[in-house]
């Protein structure tokens, strides 16, 4: 059975409510003045994986953008690998 929780109670007990959602897989209908406005439920494994994959893709896109920025402003005749090898000697 889905539990109901008012917005004020949710605000005051956020940590406990989220712990129950995560650990006990409890679902809540969040109410505002007695009217349902949202559902708070645990993520499925597929949803969690999808969010993780989206985050990875965003990070890769950021790295590619940074790579292009570095390449566009590179002034040395030597590559980055060559410069690092020189520093190691």
PDB file of N, CA and C in Angstrom:
ATOM      1  N   UNK A   1       0.829  -1.184   0.000  1.00  0.00           N
ATOM      2  CA  UNK A   1       0.000   0.000   0.000  1.00  0.00           C
ATOM      3  C   UNK A   1       0.873   1.247   0.000  1.00  0.00           C
ATOM      4  N   UNK A   2       0.545   2.191  -0.841  1.00  0.00           N
ATOM      5  CA  UNK A   2       1.296   3.440  -0.923  1.00  0.00           C
ATOM      6  C   UNK A   2       0.888   4.343   0.235  1.00  0.00           C
ATOM      7  N   UNK A   3       1.890   4.881   0.915  1.00  0.00           N
ATOM      8  CA  UNK A   3       1.628   5.774   2.042  1.00  0.00           C
ATOM      9  C   UNK A   3       1.461   7.208   1.545  1.00  0.00           C
ATOM     10  N   UNK A   4       0.656   7.980   2.267  1.00  0.00           N
ATOM     11  CA  UNK A   4       0.499   9.396   1.958  1.00  0.00           C
ATOM     12  C   UNK A   4       1.356  10.197   2.928  1.00  0.00           C
ATOM     13  N   UNK A   5       1.934  11.282   2.419  1.00  0.00           N
ATOM     14  CA  UNK A   5       2.730  12.155   3.275  1.00  0.00           C
ATOM     15  C   UNK A   5       2.503  13.594   2.829  1.00  0.00           C
ATOM     16  N   UNK A   6       2.215  14.437   3.789  1.00  0.00           N
ATOM     17  CA  UNK A   6       2.030  15.851   3.488  1.00  0.00           C
ATOM     18  C   UNK A   6       3.360  16.533   3.235  1.00  0.00           C
ATOM     19  N   UNK A   7       3.312  17.618   2.516  1.00  0.00           N
ATOM     20  CA  UNK A   7       4.538  18.330   2.143  1.00  0.00           C
ATOM     21  C   UNK A   7       5.293  18.819   3.378  1.00  0.00           C
ATOM     22  N   UNK A   8       4.576  19.262   4.410  1.00  0.00           N
ATOM     23  CA  UNK A   8       5.238  19.731   5.628  1.00  0.00           C
ATOM     24  C   UNK A   8       5.953  18.579   6.329  1.00  0.00           C
ATOM     25  N   UNK A   9       5.281  17.437   6.426  1.00  0.00           N
ATOM     26  CA  UNK A   9       5.894  16.256   7.050  1.00  0.00           C
ATOM     27  C   UNK A   9       7.108  15.798   6.244  1.00  0.00           C
ATOM     28  N   UNK A  10       6.986  15.823   4.928  1.00  0.00           N
ATOM     29  CA  UNK A  10       8.113  15.451   4.069  1.00  0.00           C
ATOM     30  C   UNK A  10       9.292  16.387   4.301  1.00  0.00           C
ATOM     31  N   UNK A  11       9.016  17.679   4.398  1.00  0.00           N
ATOM     32  CA  UNK A  11      10.078  18.663   4.641  1.00  0.00           C
ATOM     33  C   UNK A  11      10.775  18.393   5.968  1.00  0.00           C
ATOM     34  N   UNK A  12      10.004  18.089   6.994  1.00  0.00           N
ATOM     35  CA  UNK A  12      10.573  17.892   8.325  1.00  0.00           C
ATOM     36  C   UNK A  12      11.263  16.545   8.497  1.00  0.00           C
ATOM     37  N   UNK A  13      10.916  15.564   7.665  1.00  0.00           N
ATOM     38  CA  UNK A  13      11.452  14.213   7.826  1.00  0.00           C
ATOM     39  C   UNK A  13      12.091  13.678   6.552  1.00  0.00           C
ATOM     40  N   UNK A  14      12.654  14.551   5.749  1.00  0.00           N
ATOM     41  CA  UNK A  14      13.186  14.145   4.447  1.00  0.00           C
ATOM     42  C   UNK A  14      14.161  12.982   4.542  1.00  0.00           C
ATOM     43  N   UNK A  15      15.113  13.056   5.447  1.00  0.00           N
ATOM     44  CA  UNK A  15      16.118  11.988   5.554  1.00  0.00           C
ATOM     45  C   UNK A  15      15.491  10.641   5.890  1.00  0.00           C
ATOM     46  N   UNK A  16      14.577  10.643   6.849  1.00  0.00           N
ATOM     47  CA  UNK A  16      13.943   9.391   7.244  1.00  0.00           C
ATOM     48  C   UNK A  16      13.080   8.826   6.112  1.00  0.00           C
ATOM     49  N   UNK A  17      12.348   9.706   5.434  1.00  0.00           N
ATOM     50  CA  UNK A  17      11.490   9.261   4.337  1.00  0.00           C
ATOM     51  C   UNK A  17      12.339   8.669   3.212  1.00  0.00           C
ATOM     52  N   UNK A  18      13.397   9.361   2.837  1.00  0.00           N
ATOM     53  CA  UNK A  18      14.243   8.854   1.756  1.00  0.00           C
ATOM     54  C   UNK A  18      14.933   7.551   2.149  1.00  0.00           C
ATOM     55  N   UNK A  19      15.289   7.422   3.405  1.00  0.00           N
ATOM     56  CA  UNK A  19      15.890   6.168   3.861  1.00  0.00           C
ATOM     57  C   UNK A  19      14.889   5.022   3.706  1.00  0.00           C
ATOM     58  N   UNK A  20      13.612   5.267   4.045  1.00  0.00           N
ATOM     59  CA  UNK A  20      12.592   4.229   3.886  1.00  0.00           C
ATOM     60  C   UNK A  20      12.367   3.894   2.414  1.00  0.00           C
ATOM     61  N   UNK A  21      12.419   4.919   1.553  1.00  0.00           N
ATOM     62  CA  UNK A  21      12.251   4.678   0.119  1.00  0.00           C
ATOM     63  C   UNK A  21      13.393   3.800  -0.387  1.00  0.00           C
ATOM     64  N   UNK A  22      14.611   4.153  -0.005  1.00  0.00           N
ATOM     65  CA  UNK A  22      15.784   3.418  -0.483  1.00  0.00           C
ATOM     66  C   UNK A  22      15.886   2.021   0.123  1.00  0.00           C
ATOM     67  N   UNK A  23      15.743   1.918   1.424  1.00  0.00           N
ATOM     68  CA  UNK A  23      15.997   0.657   2.100  1.00  0.00           C
ATOM     69  C   UNK A  23      14.788  -0.278   2.136  1.00  0.00           C
ATOM     70  N   UNK A  24      13.602   0.284   2.330  1.00  0.00           N
ATOM     71  CA  UNK A  24      12.406  -0.537   2.488  1.00  0.00           C
ATOM     72  C   UNK A  24      11.510  -0.536   1.255  1.00  0.00           C
ATOM     73  N   UNK A  25      11.943   0.186   0.216  1.00  0.00           N
ATOM     74  CA  UNK A  25      11.200   0.267  -1.049  1.00  0.00           C
ATOM     75  C   UNK A  25       9.774   0.805  -0.849  1.00  0.00           C
ATOM     76  N   UNK A  26       9.623   1.741   0.090  1.00  0.00           N
ATOM     77  CA  UNK A  26       8.320   2.336   0.382  1.00  0.00           C
ATOM     78  C   UNK A  26       8.017   3.396  -0.671  1.00  0.00           C
ATOM     79  N   UNK A  27       6.762   3.475  -1.079  1.00  0.00           N
ATOM     80  CA  UNK A  27       6.304   4.510  -2.003  1.00  0.00           C
ATOM     81  C   UNK A  27       5.399   5.470  -1.244  1.00  0.00           C
ATOM     82  N   UNK A  28       5.500   6.749  -1.590  1.00  0.00           N
ATOM     83  CA  UNK A  28       4.675   7.768  -0.952  1.00  0.00           C
ATOM     84  C   UNK A  28       3.931   8.573  -2.009  1.00  0.00           C
ATOM     85  N   UNK A  29       2.707   8.954  -1.681  1.00  0.00           N
ATOM     86  CA  UNK A  29       1.990   9.972  -2.440  1.00  0.00           C
ATOM     87  C   UNK A  29       2.156  11.247  -1.630  1.00  0.00           C
ATOM     88  N   UNK A  30       2.769  12.247  -2.238  1.00  0.00           N
ATOM     89  CA  UNK A  30       2.988  13.519  -1.565  1.00  0.00           C
ATOM     90  C   UNK A  30       1.750  14.382  -1.773  1.00  0.00           C
ATOM     91  N   UNK A  31       1.255  14.947  -0.671  1.00  0.00           N
ATOM     92  CA  UNK A  31       0.034  15.756  -0.757  1.00  0.00           C
ATOM     93  C   UNK A  31       0.312  17.207  -0.368  1.00  0.00           C
ATOM     94  N   UNK A  32      -0.464  18.083  -0.949  1.00  0.00           N
ATOM     95  CA  UNK A  32      -0.431  19.506  -0.618  1.00  0.00           C
ATOM     96  C   UNK A  32      -1.872  19.905  -0.290  1.00  0.00           C
ATOM     97  N   UNK A  33      -2.102  20.275   0.957  1.00  0.00           N
ATOM     98  CA  UNK A  33      -3.453  20.576   1.437  1.00  0.00           C
ATOM     99  C   UNK A  33      -4.413  19.407   1.192  1.00  0.00           C
ATOM    100  N   UNK A  34      -3.880  18.203   1.385  1.00  0.00           N
ATOM    101  CA  UNK A  34      -4.697  17.007   1.250  1.00  0.00           C
ATOM    102  C   UNK A  34      -4.859  16.483  -0.164  1.00  0.00           C
ATOM    103  N   UNK A  35      -4.384  17.212  -1.147  1.00  0.00           N
ATOM    104  CA  UNK A  35      -4.505  16.795  -2.553  1.00  0.00           C
ATOM    105  C   UNK A  35      -3.196  16.173  -3.036  1.00  0.00           C
ATOM    106  N   UNK A  36      -3.252  15.031  -3.698  1.00  0.00           N
ATOM    107  CA  UNK A  36      -2.025  14.404  -4.220  1.00  0.00           C
ATOM    108  C   UNK A  36      -1.370  15.276  -5.297  1.00  0.00           C
ATOM    109  N   UNK A  37      -0.042  15.438  -5.179  1.00  0.00           N
ATOM    110  CA  UNK A  37       0.688  16.249  -6.166  1.00  0.00           C
ATOM    111  C   UNK A  37       1.874  15.512  -6.778  1.00  0.00           C
ATOM    112  N   UNK A  38       2.342  14.451  -6.105  1.00  0.00           N
ATOM    113  CA  UNK A  38       3.513  13.747  -6.626  1.00  0.00           C
ATOM    114  C   UNK A  38       3.585  12.357  -6.007  1.00  0.00           C
ATOM    115  N   UNK A  39       4.406  11.523  -6.639  1.00  0.00           N
ATOM    116  CA  UNK A  39       4.685  10.192  -6.102  1.00  0.00           C
ATOM    117  C   UNK A  39       6.187  10.097  -5.878  1.00  0.00           C
ATOM    118  N   UNK A  40       6.567   9.647  -4.721  1.00  0.00           N
ATOM    119  CA  UNK A  40       7.969   9.428  -4.378  1.00  0.00           C
ATOM    120  C   UNK A  40       8.156   7.927  -4.269  1.00  0.00           C
ATOM    121  N   UNK A  41       9.005   7.369  -5.145  1.00  0.00           N
ATOM    122  CA  UNK A  41       9.186   5.924  -5.166  1.00  0.00           C
ATOM    123  C   UNK A  41      10.641   5.601  -5.487  1.00  0.00           C
ATOM    124  N   UNK A  42      11.078   4.400  -5.151  1.00  0.00           N
ATOM    125  CA  UNK A  42      12.454   4.012  -5.472  1.00  0.00           C
ATOM    126  C   UNK A  42      12.630   3.858  -6.984  1.00  0.00           C
ATOM    127  N   UNK A  43      13.839   4.108  -7.434  1.00  0.00           N
ATOM    128  CA  UNK A  43      14.154   3.888  -8.843  1.00  0.00           C
ATOM    129  C   UNK A  43      14.309   2.399  -9.106  1.00  0.00           C
ATOM    130  N   UNK A  44      13.900   1.983 -10.299  1.00  0.00           N
ATOM    131  CA  UNK A  44      14.156   0.603 -10.696  1.00  0.00           C
ATOM    132  C   UNK A  44      15.618   0.481 -11.106  1.00  0.00           C
ATOM    133  N   UNK A  45      16.094  -0.736 -11.227  1.00  0.00           N
ATOM    134  CA  UNK A  45      17.470  -0.975 -11.665  1.00  0.00           C
ATOM    135  C   UNK A  45      17.703  -0.377 -13.049  1.00  0.00           C
ATOM    136  N   UNK A  46      16.735  -0.535 -13.949  1.00  0.00           N
ATOM    137  CA  UNK A  46      16.857   0.020 -15.302  1.00  0.00           C
ATOM    138  C   UNK A  46      16.939   1.540 -15.275  1.00  0.00           C
ATOM    139  N   UNK A  47      16.112   2.176 -14.437  1.00  0.00           N
ATOM    140  CA  UNK A  47      16.144   3.641 -14.333  1.00  0.00           C
ATOM    141  C   UNK A  47      17.482   4.114 -13.785  1.00  0.00           C
ATOM    142  N   UNK A  48      17.984   3.437 -12.771  1.00  0.00           N
ATOM    143  CA  UNK A  48      19.287   3.800 -12.200  1.00  0.00           C
ATOM    144  C   UNK A  48      20.390   3.666 -13.243  1.00  0.00           C
ATOM    145  N   UNK A  49      20.367   2.581 -13.992  1.00  0.00           N
ATOM    146  CA  UNK A  49      21.386   2.361 -15.030  1.00  0.00           C
ATOM    147  C   UNK A  49      21.279   3.416 -16.121  1.00  0.00           C
ATOM    148  N   UNK A  50      20.067   3.775 -16.497  1.00  0.00           N
ATOM    149  CA  UNK A  50      19.862   4.788 -17.529  1.00  0.00           C
ATOM    150  C   UNK A  50      20.416   6.144 -17.067  1.00  0.00           C
ATOM    151  N   UNK A  51      20.155   6.514 -15.831  1.00  0.00           N
ATOM    152  CA  UNK A  51      20.674   7.771 -15.280  1.00  0.00           C
ATOM    153  C   UNK A  51      22.194   7.731 -15.238  1.00  0.00           C
ATOM    154  N   UNK A  52      22.755   6.612 -14.820  1.00  0.00           N
ATOM    155  CA  UNK A  52      24.223   6.454 -14.776  1.00  0.00           C
ATOM    156  C   UNK A  52      24.822   6.584 -16.176  1.00  0.00           C
ATOM    157  N   UNK A  53      24.204   5.945 -17.154  1.00  0.00           N
ATOM    158  CA  UNK A  53      24.695   6.012 -18.526  1.00  0.00           C
ATOM    159  C   UNK A  53      24.607   7.432 -19.075  1.00  0.00           C
ATOM    160  N   UNK A  54      23.527   8.139 -18.783  1.00  0.00           N
ATOM    161  CA  UNK A  54      23.396   9.536 -19.218  1.00  0.00           C
ATOM    162  C   UNK A  54      24.509  10.396 -18.627  1.00  0.00           C
ATOM    163  N   UNK A  55      24.816  10.166 -17.342  1.00  0.00           N
ATOM    164  CA  UNK A  55      25.873  10.933 -16.685  1.00  0.00           C
ATOM    165  C   UNK A  55      27.237  10.644 -17.334  1.00  0.00           C
ATOM    166  N   UNK A  56      27.492   9.386 -17.663  1.00  0.00           N
ATOM    167  CA  UNK A  56      28.744   9.014 -18.324  1.00  0.00           C
ATOM    168  C   UNK A  56      28.839   9.694 -19.691  1.00  0.00           C
ATOM    169  N   UNK A  57      27.764   9.660 -20.454  1.00  0.00           N
ATOM    170  CA  UNK A  57      27.761  10.282 -21.781  1.00  0.00           C
ATOM    171  C   UNK A  57      27.978  11.792 -21.692  1.00  0.00           C
ATOM    172  N   UNK A  58      27.394  12.436 -20.674  1.00  0.00           N
ATOM    173  CA  UNK A  58      27.612  13.870 -20.477  1.00  0.00           C
ATOM    174  C   UNK A  58      29.076  14.166 -20.175  1.00  0.00           C
ATOM    175  N   UNK A  59      29.687  13.345 -19.330  1.00  0.00           N
ATOM    176  CA  UNK A  59      31.099  13.535 -18.992  1.00  0.00           C
ATOM    177  C   UNK A  59      31.997  13.340 -20.217  1.00  0.00           C
ATOM    178  N   UNK A  60      31.697  12.337 -21.025  1.00  0.00           N
ATOM    179  CA  UNK A  60      32.483  12.104 -22.245  1.00  0.00           C
ATOM    180  C   UNK A  60      32.346  13.280 -23.197  1.00  0.00           C
ATOM    181  N   UNK A  61      31.151  13.820 -23.335  1.00  0.00           N
ATOM    182  CA  UNK A  61      30.937  14.988 -24.198  1.00  0.00           C
ATOM    183  C   UNK A  61      31.737  16.176 -23.684  1.00  0.00           C
ATOM    184  N   UNK A  62      31.771  16.368 -22.372  1.00  0.00           N
ATOM    185  CA  UNK A  62      32.558  17.457 -21.788  1.00  0.00           C
ATOM    186  C   UNK A  62      34.048  17.274 -22.076  1.00  0.00           C
ATOM    187  N   UNK A  63      34.527  16.029 -21.961  1.00  0.00           N
ATOM    188  CA  UNK A  63      35.941  15.758 -22.249  1.00  0.00           C
ATOM    189  C   UNK A  63      36.272  16.005 -23.720  1.00  0.00           C
ATOM    190  N   UNK A  64      35.361  15.651 -24.606  1.00  0.00           N
ATOM    191  CA  UNK A  64      35.594  15.906 -26.035  1.00  0.00           C
ATOM    192  C   UNK A  64      35.649  17.402 -26.326  1.00  0.00           C
ATOM    193  N   UNK A  65      34.773  18.160 -25.697  1.00  0.00           N
ATOM    194  CA  UNK A  65      34.783  19.620 -25.873  1.00  0.00           C
ATOM    195  C   UNK A  65      36.089  20.211 -25.358  1.00  0.00           C
ATOM    196  N   UNK A  66      36.523  19.743 -24.198  1.00  0.00           N
ATOM    197  CA  UNK A  66      37.785  20.217 -23.644  1.00  0.00           C
ATOM    198  C   UNK A  66      38.948  19.852 -24.550  1.00  0.00           C
ATOM    199  N   UNK A  67      38.922  18.657 -25.109  1.00  0.00           N
ATOM    200  CA  UNK A  67      39.969  18.221 -26.031  1.00  0.00           C
ATOM    201  C   UNK A  67      40.060  19.144 -27.244  1.00  0.00           C
ATOM    202  N   UNK A  68      38.897  19.504 -27.790  1.00  0.00           N
ATOM    203  CA  UNK A  68      38.881  20.410 -28.945  1.00  0.00           C
ATOM    204  C   UNK A  68      39.415  21.783 -28.579  1.00  0.00           C
ATOM    205  N   UNK A  69      39.065  22.261 -27.397  1.00  0.00           N
ATOM    206  CA  UNK A  69      39.540  23.566 -26.935  1.00  0.00           C
ATOM    207  C   UNK A  69      41.056  23.557 -26.769  1.00  0.00           C
ATOM    208  N   UNK A  70      41.583  22.501 -26.169  1.00  0.00           N
ATOM    209  CA  UNK A  70      43.031  22.384 -25.984  1.00  0.00           C
ATOM    210  C   UNK A  70      43.723  22.295 -27.339  1.00  0.00           C
ATOM    211  N   UNK A  71      43.196  21.483 -28.247  1.00  0.00           N
ATOM    212  CA  UNK A  71      43.803  21.323 -29.573  1.00  0.00           C
ATOM    213  C   UNK A  71      43.812  22.643 -30.335  1.00  0.00           C
ATOM    214  N   UNK A  72      42.744  23.415 -30.212  1.00  0.00           N
ATOM    215  CA  UNK A  72      42.648  24.684 -30.942  1.00  0.00           C
ATOM    216  C   UNK A  72      43.643  25.716 -30.423  1.00  0.00           C
ATOM    217  N   UNK A  73      44.007  25.620 -29.158  1.00  0.00           N
ATOM    218  CA  UNK A  73      44.908  26.628 -28.590  1.00  0.00           C
ATOM    219  C   UNK A  73      46.326  26.098 -28.360  1.00  0.00           C
ATOM    220  N   UNK A  74      46.623  24.891 -28.849  1.00  0.00           N
ATOM    221  CA  UNK A  74      47.948  24.285 -28.660  1.00  0.00           C
ATOM    222  C   UNK A  74      48.968  25.048 -29.489  1.00  0.00           C
ATOM    223  N   UNK A  75      50.054  25.501 -28.852  1.00  0.00           N
ATOM    224  CA  UNK A  75      51.055  26.302 -29.568  1.00  0.00           C
ATOM    225  C   UNK A  75      52.395  25.600 -29.736  1.00  0.00           C
ATOM    226  N   UNK A  76      52.629  24.546 -29.011  1.00  0.00           N
ATOM    227  CA  UNK A  76      53.905  23.848 -29.084  1.00  0.00           C
ATOM    228  C   UNK A  76      53.992  23.007 -30.352  1.00  0.00           C
ATOM    229  N   UNK A  77      55.213  22.884 -30.859  1.00  0.00           N
ATOM    230  CA  UNK A  77      55.424  22.015 -32.010  1.00  0.00           C
ATOM    231  C   UNK A  77      55.466  20.545 -31.576  1.00  0.00           C
ATOM    232  N   UNK A  78      55.646  20.323 -30.278  1.00  0.00           N
ATOM    233  CA  UNK A  78      55.688  18.963 -29.745  1.00  0.00           C
ATOM    234  C   UNK A  78      54.295  18.578 -29.248  1.00  0.00           C
ATOM    235  N   UNK A  79      54.046  17.280 -29.266  1.00  0.00           N
ATOM    236  CA  UNK A  79      52.765  16.795 -28.755  1.00  0.00           C
ATOM    237  C   UNK A  79      52.788  16.776 -27.227  1.00  0.00           C
ATOM    238  N   UNK A  80      51.634  16.648 -26.653  1.00  0.00           N
ATOM    239  CA  UNK A  80      51.539  16.549 -25.204  1.00  0.00           C
ATOM    240  C   UNK A  80      52.284  15.339 -24.673  1.00  0.00           C
ATOM    241  N   UNK A  81      52.217  14.247 -25.401  1.00  0.00           N
ATOM    242  CA  UNK A  81      52.931  13.030 -25.006  1.00  0.00           C
ATOM    243  C   UNK A  81      54.434  13.286 -24.979  1.00  0.00           C
ATOM    244  N   UNK A  82      54.934  13.955 -26.003  1.00  0.00           N
ATOM    245  CA  UNK A  82      56.380  14.256 -26.052  1.00  0.00           C
ATOM    246  C   UNK A  82      56.790  15.149 -24.886  1.00  0.00           C
ATOM    247  N   UNK A  83      55.980  16.139 -24.578  1.00  0.00           N
ATOM    248  CA  UNK A  83      56.305  17.040 -23.468  1.00  0.00           C
ATOM    249  C   UNK A  83      56.295  16.308 -22.130  1.00  0.00           C
ATOM    250  N   UNK A  84      55.352  15.407 -21.941  1.00  0.00           N
ATOM    251  CA  UNK A  84      55.302  14.639 -20.693  1.00  0.00           C
ATOM    252  C   UNK A  84      56.520  13.725 -20.596  1.00  0.00           C
ATOM    253  N   UNK A  85      56.890  13.091 -21.700  1.00  0.00           N
ATOM    254  CA  UNK A  85      58.075  12.217 -21.695  1.00  0.00           C
ATOM    255  C   UNK A  85      59.329  13.006 -21.345  1.00  0.00           C
ATOM    256  N   UNK A  86      59.438  14.229 -21.847  1.00  0.00           N
ATOM    257  CA  UNK A  86      60.587  15.081 -21.500  1.00  0.00           C
ATOM    258  C   UNK A  86      60.620  15.386 -20.009  1.00  0.00           C
ATOM    259  N   UNK A  87      59.463  15.637 -19.427  1.00  0.00           N
ATOM    260  CA  UNK A  87      59.391  15.946 -18.002  1.00  0.00           C
ATOM    261  C   UNK A  87      59.790  14.751 -17.150  1.00  0.00           C
ATOM    262  N   UNK A  88      59.552  13.563 -17.633  1.00  0.00           N
ATOM    263  CA  UNK A  88      59.865  12.345 -16.880  1.00  0.00           C
ATOM    264  C   UNK A  88      61.344  12.040 -16.873  1.00  0.00           C
ATOM    265  N   UNK A  89      62.083  12.591 -17.785  1.00  0.00           N
ATOM    266  CA  UNK A  89      63.527  12.305 -17.865  1.00  0.00           C
ATOM    267  C   UNK A  89      64.313  13.056 -16.832  1.00  0.00           C
TER     268      UNK A  89
END
